[in-house]
Amino acid sequence: MNKFDQILLKNEVIFADGATGTNLFEKGLETGYPPELWNVEHPKQIKSVHCEFIKAGSDMILTNSFGGTSFRLKLHQSENRVAELNSTAAQLARQAADEADKPVIVAGSVGPTGELFSPLGALNHEMAVAAFKEQCMALREGGVDAIWIETMSSIEEFQSALEAALMTGLPVCATMTFDTSARSMMGVKPEQFAKIAHSSDLSCYGANCGVGPAELIHSISHFDGYTEGKLIIAKSNCGIPTYDNGQIRYKGTPELMADYAVLARDLGVKIIGGCCGTTPIHIKAMAQAVQNRPKEAFTQERADDLLGLAWEGVNLNHNSPETSAGRTRSKRRRN
């Protein structure tokens, strides 16, 4: 049995890490500069982010390789460095995990290509699979325990990434982002993704990024009926970012993220973490809350009370293409 499965079986809840890019900004990364290049330019800074999350309570860390496909690296004239940058990302995370005083999973982060599929764009299935395969194989060579496909918005790209990831022979996890009127940017409903993911060879699937904790929890609640035999992931943004004195700041407090983590656990989520804006301070609060608070039955009303109303002003009837003030409670989100 591999380390990924061993840790999943041992722990009732697995805590993933938080944001990579956001925390690298605090260490000097400039907006617009590819974080992946820091794997070779500033490896100590990358490793320190991993170590900080492990110390805060993370049982799983993601490699600094979100934009590691040739399509994304081409924007920075680095498309010929896919193997180098991804393998190094995996090695840095592996070092941090192996130096920890507990078992830690290293998952190889695979983000979207940034390209649109035909007929909206020039990307096709074969091109996408080839790009994802190049990245996934480099992550495997660097020593990851699993492949982590994240922030997908289209079924076509998710399926291309999954096909490539499965070629590694490693466990594969995948998340989609629901951030546009309770759907993905390409119009995918949570239940549509769940149905396809549930019937695939994924080890676990879920949602990440998005608008904030309230919306992510609401999206995952729509996975109901497609969760048996699969482990579920929740990795929410730390609220909505604001621009303050030349810096991007996220408004989600450790207390808000702790409430989100408890709700995710009560909803049956196995892997809980954060995305953009989530720091080690947030992860520590989340882990402590899950450890110290007793389980309760999950209800959407309880989620609304703790996190605020999800998708306020949006018609949540997915059978209707229209949006309206479909949910009228006036509680303001606390994120």
Protein backbone atom coordinates (compact mmCIF):
# COMPACT_ATOMS: atom_id res chain seq x y z
CA MET A 1 0.00 0.00 0.00
CA ASN A 2 1.40 3.43 -0.94
CA LYS A 3 1.83 6.32 1.49
CA PHE A 4 -1.22 8.13 0.10
CA ASP A 5 -3.56 5.25 0.90
CA GLN A 6 -1.87 4.52 4.23
CA ILE A 7 -2.40 8.04 5.55
CA LEU A 8 -5.95 8.24 4.20
CA LEU A 9 -6.85 5.02 6.01
CA LYS A 10 -5.19 6.06 9.25
CA ASN A 11 -6.65 9.56 9.61
CA GLU A 12 -10.34 10.39 9.83
CA VAL A 13 -9.66 13.79 8.25
CA ILE A 14 -6.64 14.78 6.18
CA PHE A 15 -5.58 18.41 6.31
CA ALA A 16 -4.13 19.71 3.09
CA ASP A 17 -2.17 22.95 2.88
CA GLY A 18 -3.30 26.43 1.91
CA ALA A 19 -2.21 28.85 -0.79
CA THR A 20 1.16 28.63 -2.49
CA GLY A 21 1.30 31.82 -4.54
CA THR A 22 -0.27 34.03 -1.87
CA ASN A 23 2.29 32.95 0.70
CA LEU A 24 5.14 33.35 -1.77
CA PHE A 25 4.11 36.98 -2.26
CA GLU A 26 4.94 37.48 1.41
CA LYS A 27 8.41 36.11 0.66
CA GLY A 28 9.08 38.44 -2.24
CA LEU A 29 7.39 36.91 -5.30
CA GLU A 30 6.18 39.70 -7.56
CA THR A 31 2.75 39.72 -9.18
CA GLY A 32 2.93 38.29 -12.69
CA TYR A 33 6.13 36.36 -12.11
CA PRO A 34 5.71 32.58 -12.45
CA PRO A 35 6.01 30.84 -9.06
CA GLU A 36 7.32 27.72 -10.81
CA LEU A 37 10.59 29.47 -11.67
CA TRP A 38 11.18 29.98 -7.96
CA ASN A 39 11.66 26.22 -7.65
CA VAL A 40 15.13 26.70 -9.09
CA GLU A 41 15.71 30.38 -8.30
CA HIS A 42 14.59 30.41 -4.66
CA PRO A 43 14.24 26.77 -3.53
CA LYS A 44 14.65 27.62 0.17
CA GLN A 45 11.62 29.90 0.02
CA ILE A 46 9.51 27.20 -1.63
CA LYS A 47 10.56 24.60 0.91
CA SER A 48 9.89 27.00 3.78
CA VAL A 49 6.26 27.41 2.69
CA HIS A 50 5.85 23.63 2.72
CA CYS A 51 7.46 23.36 6.15
CA GLU A 52 5.29 26.13 7.59
CA PHE A 53 2.11 24.36 6.50
CA ILE A 54 3.31 21.03 7.89
CA LYS A 55 4.10 22.69 11.22
CA ALA A 56 0.62 24.26 11.23
CA GLY A 57 -1.04 20.87 10.84
CA SER A 58 -1.08 19.91 7.17
CA ASP A 59 -0.94 16.17 6.46
CA MET A 60 -0.66 16.85 2.73
CA ILE A 61 1.24 19.47 0.77
CA LEU A 62 0.93 20.38 -2.90
CA THR A 63 3.94 20.96 -5.10
CA ASN A 64 4.65 24.44 -6.45
CA SER A 65 3.71 23.41 -9.98
CA PHE A 66 0.18 24.71 -10.59
CA GLY A 67 1.21 26.45 -13.83
CA GLY A 68 3.70 23.78 -14.82
CA THR A 69 2.38 22.76 -18.23
CA SER A 70 4.17 23.84 -21.38
CA PHE A 71 1.19 26.04 -22.27
CA ARG A 72 1.51 28.10 -19.09
CA LEU A 73 5.30 28.16 -19.06
CA LYS A 74 5.36 29.33 -22.67
CA LEU A 75 4.03 32.67 -21.44
CA HIS A 76 7.41 33.10 -19.73
CA GLN A 77 9.59 31.57 -22.47
CA SER A 78 10.10 28.47 -20.32
CA GLU A 79 8.09 25.83 -22.18
CA ASN A 80 11.23 23.72 -22.60
CA ARG A 81 11.71 23.53 -18.81
CA VAL A 82 8.64 21.47 -17.90
CA ALA A 83 10.61 18.44 -16.70
CA GLU A 84 13.12 20.52 -14.74
CA LEU A 85 10.65 22.80 -12.97
CA ASN A 86 8.11 20.11 -12.09
CA SER A 87 10.66 17.56 -10.96
CA THR A 88 12.33 20.18 -8.77
CA ALA A 89 8.96 21.21 -7.33
CA ALA A 90 8.33 17.61 -6.34
CA GLN A 91 11.79 17.20 -4.86
CA LEU A 92 11.41 20.30 -2.67
CA ALA A 93 8.05 19.16 -1.33
CA ARG A 94 9.42 15.64 -0.83
CA GLN A 95 12.31 17.01 1.23
CA ALA A 96 9.94 18.99 3.45
CA ALA A 97 7.66 15.99 3.93
CA ASP A 98 10.49 13.57 4.69
CA GLU A 99 11.92 15.92 7.32
CA ALA A 100 8.59 16.19 9.16
CA ASP A 101 7.94 14.39 12.43
CA LYS A 102 4.84 12.72 10.98
CA PRO A 103 3.86 11.10 7.68
CA VAL A 104 3.01 13.74 5.07
CA ILE A 105 1.58 13.18 1.59
CA VAL A 106 3.16 15.02 -1.33
CA ALA A 107 0.64 15.68 -4.10
CA GLY A 108 1.73 16.96 -7.49
CA SER A 109 -0.29 20.06 -8.37
CA VAL A 110 -1.58 20.17 -11.95
CA GLY A 111 -3.55 23.26 -12.90
CA PRO A 112 -5.36 24.16 -16.11
CA THR A 113 -3.48 25.00 -19.30
CA GLY A 114 -5.11 28.40 -19.61
CA GLU A 115 -6.23 27.48 -23.13
CA LEU A 116 -9.76 26.94 -24.42
CA PHE A 117 -10.85 23.77 -26.15
CA SER A 118 -12.16 23.77 -29.70
CA PRO A 119 -14.42 25.29 -30.98
CA LEU A 120 -13.88 28.17 -28.53
CA GLY A 121 -10.10 27.86 -28.81
CA ALA A 122 -7.32 25.90 -30.46
CA LEU A 123 -6.79 23.23 -27.79
CA ASN A 124 -7.85 19.64 -28.48
CA HIS A 125 -7.83 16.46 -26.42
CA GLU A 126 -4.59 15.06 -27.82
CA MET A 127 -2.68 18.30 -27.25
CA ALA A 128 -3.96 18.61 -23.70
CA VAL A 129 -3.17 15.00 -22.80
CA ALA A 130 0.37 15.38 -24.14
CA ALA A 131 0.97 18.54 -22.10
CA PHE A 132 -0.46 17.07 -18.92
CA LYS A 133 1.44 13.82 -19.39
CA GLU A 134 4.74 15.69 -19.68
CA GLN A 135 4.02 17.48 -16.41
CA CYS A 136 2.68 14.47 -14.52
CA MET A 137 5.60 12.25 -15.45
CA ALA A 138 8.05 14.89 -14.23
CA LEU A 139 6.18 15.15 -10.93
CA ARG A 140 6.33 11.38 -10.55
CA GLU A 141 10.06 11.39 -11.23
CA GLY A 142 10.47 14.03 -8.55
CA GLY A 143 8.86 11.79 -5.94
CA VAL A 144 5.21 12.74 -5.44
CA ASP A 145 2.81 10.31 -3.79
CA ALA A 146 -0.21 11.34 -5.89
CA ILE A 147 -1.26 13.62 -8.72
CA TRP A 148 -3.54 16.50 -7.75
CA ILE A 149 -5.54 17.99 -10.65
CA GLU A 150 -7.05 21.28 -9.49
CA THR A 151 -9.04 24.37 -10.43
CA MET A 152 -10.59 22.80 -13.52
CA SER A 153 -13.56 24.54 -15.12
CA SER A 154 -14.38 22.31 -18.10
CA ILE A 155 -15.15 18.62 -18.34
CA GLU A 156 -12.94 18.30 -21.44
CA GLU A 157 -9.84 19.61 -19.70
CA PHE A 158 -10.52 17.60 -16.54
CA GLN A 159 -10.82 14.40 -18.58
CA SER A 160 -7.62 15.18 -20.50
CA ALA A 161 -5.71 15.80 -17.27
CA LEU A 162 -7.14 12.65 -15.70
CA GLU A 163 -6.14 10.50 -18.67
CA ALA A 164 -2.58 11.79 -18.45
CA ALA A 165 -2.37 11.54 -14.66
CA LEU A 166 -3.51 7.91 -14.62
CA MET A 167 -0.56 7.04 -16.87
CA THR A 168 1.74 7.65 -13.89
CA GLY A 169 0.27 4.71 -11.97
CA LEU A 170 -0.16 6.98 -8.92
CA PRO A 171 -3.39 7.81 -7.07
CA VAL A 172 -5.15 10.76 -8.69
CA CYS A 173 -7.30 13.45 -7.08
CA ALA A 174 -9.19 16.22 -8.88
CA THR A 175 -11.09 19.37 -8.03
CA MET A 176 -13.23 21.74 -10.04
CA THR A 177 -13.87 25.41 -9.29
CA PHE A 178 -17.44 26.67 -9.03
CA ASP A 179 -17.28 30.44 -9.08
CA THR A 180 -19.82 31.70 -11.61
CA SER A 181 -23.47 31.65 -10.52
CA ALA A 182 -22.94 28.34 -8.67
CA ARG A 183 -21.32 26.77 -11.73
CA SER A 184 -17.82 26.57 -13.13
CA MET A 185 -16.59 29.25 -15.53
CA MET A 186 -17.52 26.92 -18.40
CA GLY A 187 -21.00 26.30 -17.03
CA VAL A 188 -20.49 22.94 -15.30
CA LYS A 189 -22.80 22.27 -12.36
CA PRO A 190 -21.40 20.63 -9.21
CA GLU A 191 -23.63 17.59 -9.66
CA GLN A 192 -22.49 17.18 -13.30
CA PHE A 193 -18.85 17.08 -12.28
CA ALA A 194 -19.62 14.77 -9.36
CA LYS A 195 -21.42 12.27 -11.58
CA ILE A 196 -18.50 12.06 -14.02
CA ALA A 197 -15.83 12.06 -11.30
CA HIS A 198 -17.63 9.37 -9.31
CA SER A 199 -17.63 6.99 -12.27
CA SER A 200 -13.93 7.58 -13.01
CA ASP A 201 -10.73 6.05 -11.62
CA LEU A 202 -10.12 8.99 -9.28
CA SER A 203 -9.19 8.26 -5.67
CA CYS A 204 -10.97 11.41 -4.51
CA TYR A 205 -12.56 14.51 -5.96
CA GLY A 206 -14.07 17.78 -4.83
CA ALA A 207 -14.00 21.55 -5.18
CA ASN A 208 -11.36 24.20 -4.67
CA CYS A 209 -10.77 27.93 -5.00
CA GLY A 210 -13.98 29.72 -6.02
CA VAL A 211 -15.64 32.62 -4.25
CA GLY A 212 -15.35 31.67 -0.60
CA PRO A 213 -16.12 29.05 2.06
CA ALA A 214 -19.91 29.47 1.98
CA GLU A 215 -20.08 28.90 -1.76
CA LEU A 216 -17.66 25.98 -1.74
CA ILE A 217 -19.56 24.16 1.01
CA HIS A 218 -22.79 24.73 -0.89
CA SER A 219 -21.25 23.33 -4.08
CA ILE A 220 -20.01 20.19 -2.34
CA SER A 221 -23.42 19.64 -0.77
CA HIS A 222 -24.66 19.12 -4.34
CA PHE A 223 -22.36 16.10 -4.73
CA ASP A 224 -24.88 14.10 -2.71
CA GLY A 225 -25.67 10.85 -4.47
CA TYR A 226 -22.23 10.59 -6.05
CA THR A 227 -20.02 10.15 -2.99
CA GLU A 228 -20.26 6.45 -2.13
CA GLY A 229 -16.87 4.79 -2.49
CA LYS A 230 -15.10 8.08 -3.19
CA LEU A 231 -13.33 10.50 -0.86
CA ILE A 232 -14.32 14.16 -1.05
CA ILE A 233 -12.05 17.22 -1.10
CA ALA A 234 -12.75 20.79 0.08
CA LYS A 235 -10.09 23.45 -0.52
CA SER A 236 -11.73 26.85 -0.34
CA ASN A 237 -10.46 30.33 -1.00
CA CYS A 238 -9.98 32.44 2.11
CA GLY A 239 -12.79 34.79 1.13
CA ILE A 240 -12.77 37.52 -1.49
CA PRO A 241 -9.51 39.42 -2.13
CA THR A 242 -9.30 43.19 -1.82
CA TYR A 243 -6.60 45.60 -2.96
CA ASP A 244 -5.25 47.52 0.02
CA ASN A 245 -2.24 49.87 -0.05
CA GLY A 246 -0.74 48.14 -3.06
CA GLN A 247 -1.27 44.64 -1.68
CA ILE A 248 -3.86 41.94 -2.28
CA ARG A 249 -5.50 40.89 0.98
CA TYR A 250 -8.03 38.18 1.71
CA LYS A 251 -10.73 38.91 4.27
CA GLY A 252 -11.34 35.40 5.57
CA THR A 253 -10.34 35.18 9.22
CA PRO A 254 -8.93 32.07 10.93
CA GLU A 255 -12.25 31.84 12.79
CA LEU A 256 -14.24 31.80 9.55
CA MET A 257 -11.99 29.15 8.03
CA ALA A 258 -12.27 27.10 11.22
CA ASP A 259 -16.07 27.15 10.90
CA TYR A 260 -15.73 26.11 7.26
CA ALA A 261 -13.45 23.20 8.18
CA VAL A 262 -15.87 21.92 10.82
CA LEU A 263 -18.78 22.14 8.38
CA ALA A 264 -16.76 20.32 5.73
CA ARG A 265 -15.99 17.52 8.18
CA ASP A 266 -19.65 17.28 9.18
CA LEU A 267 -20.57 17.12 5.49
CA GLY A 268 -18.36 14.05 5.16
CA VAL A 269 -15.34 15.64 3.51
CA LYS A 270 -12.12 13.63 3.90
CA ILE A 271 -9.47 16.11 2.70
CA ILE A 272 -9.83 19.68 3.97
CA GLY A 273 -7.57 22.58 3.10
CA GLY A 274 -7.49 26.11 1.78
CA CYS A 275 -6.74 27.83 -1.49
CA CYS A 276 -5.96 31.46 -2.33
CA GLY A 277 -5.26 33.59 0.74
CA THR A 278 -5.05 30.67 3.16
CA THR A 279 -2.00 30.90 5.42
CA PRO A 280 -0.52 28.49 7.97
CA ILE A 281 -2.36 30.49 10.64
CA HIS A 282 -5.66 29.58 8.98
CA ILE A 283 -4.69 25.91 8.65
CA LYS A 284 -3.74 25.74 12.33
CA ALA A 285 -7.11 27.18 13.35
CA MET A 286 -8.91 24.75 11.04
CA ALA A 287 -7.09 21.70 12.38
CA GLN A 288 -7.65 22.70 15.99
CA ALA A 289 -11.35 23.34 15.41
CA VAL A 290 -11.93 19.95 13.79
CA GLN A 291 -10.04 18.26 16.60
CA ASN A 292 -11.83 20.07 19.42
CA ARG A 293 -15.40 20.53 18.21
CA PRO A 294 -17.82 17.59 18.32
CA LYS A 295 -19.52 16.42 15.16
CA GLU A 296 -22.98 17.74 14.35
CA ALA A 297 -25.46 16.99 11.62
CA PHE A 298 -24.81 19.12 8.56
CA THR A 299 -27.62 21.36 7.36
CA GLN A 300 -27.52 24.19 4.85
CA GLU A 301 -29.17 26.42 7.43
CA ARG A 302 -26.30 25.81 9.85
CA ALA A 303 -23.81 26.58 7.09
CA ASP A 304 -25.65 29.83 6.32
CA ASP A 305 -25.54 30.81 9.99
CA LEU A 306 -21.81 30.15 10.34
CA LEU A 307 -20.49 31.28 6.96
CA GLY A 308 -23.18 33.55 5.59
CA LEU A 309 -25.49 33.05 2.65
CA ALA A 310 -23.93 31.34 -0.35
CA TRP A 311 -24.54 32.73 -3.84
CA GLU A 312 -26.67 35.60 -2.60
CA GLY A 313 -28.69 37.06 -5.45
CA VAL A 314 -28.31 33.95 -7.61
CA ASN A 315 -31.10 31.60 -8.64
CA LEU A 316 -29.84 28.24 -7.41
CA ASN A 317 -32.31 26.26 -9.49
CA HIS A 318 -29.82 24.67 -11.88
CA ASN A 319 -32.65 23.81 -14.25
CA SER A 320 -32.95 27.50 -15.00
CA PRO A 321 -30.30 29.42 -16.99
CA GLU A 322 -31.41 32.69 -15.47
CA THR A 323 -30.11 34.39 -12.37
CA SER A 324 -32.24 36.29 -9.91
CA ALA A 325 -32.50 37.12 -6.26
CA GLY A 326 -33.43 33.54 -5.70
CA ARG A 327 -32.20 33.44 -2.11
CA THR A 328 -33.49 36.36 -0.14
CA ARG A 329 -32.05 36.03 3.34
CA SER A 330 -30.09 39.17 4.09
CA LYS A 331 -27.30 37.72 6.22
CA ARG A 332 -24.00 39.11 4.99
CA ARG A 333 -21.04 36.79 4.51
CA ARG A 334 -18.40 37.12 7.20
CA ASN A 335 -15.49 36.50 4.81
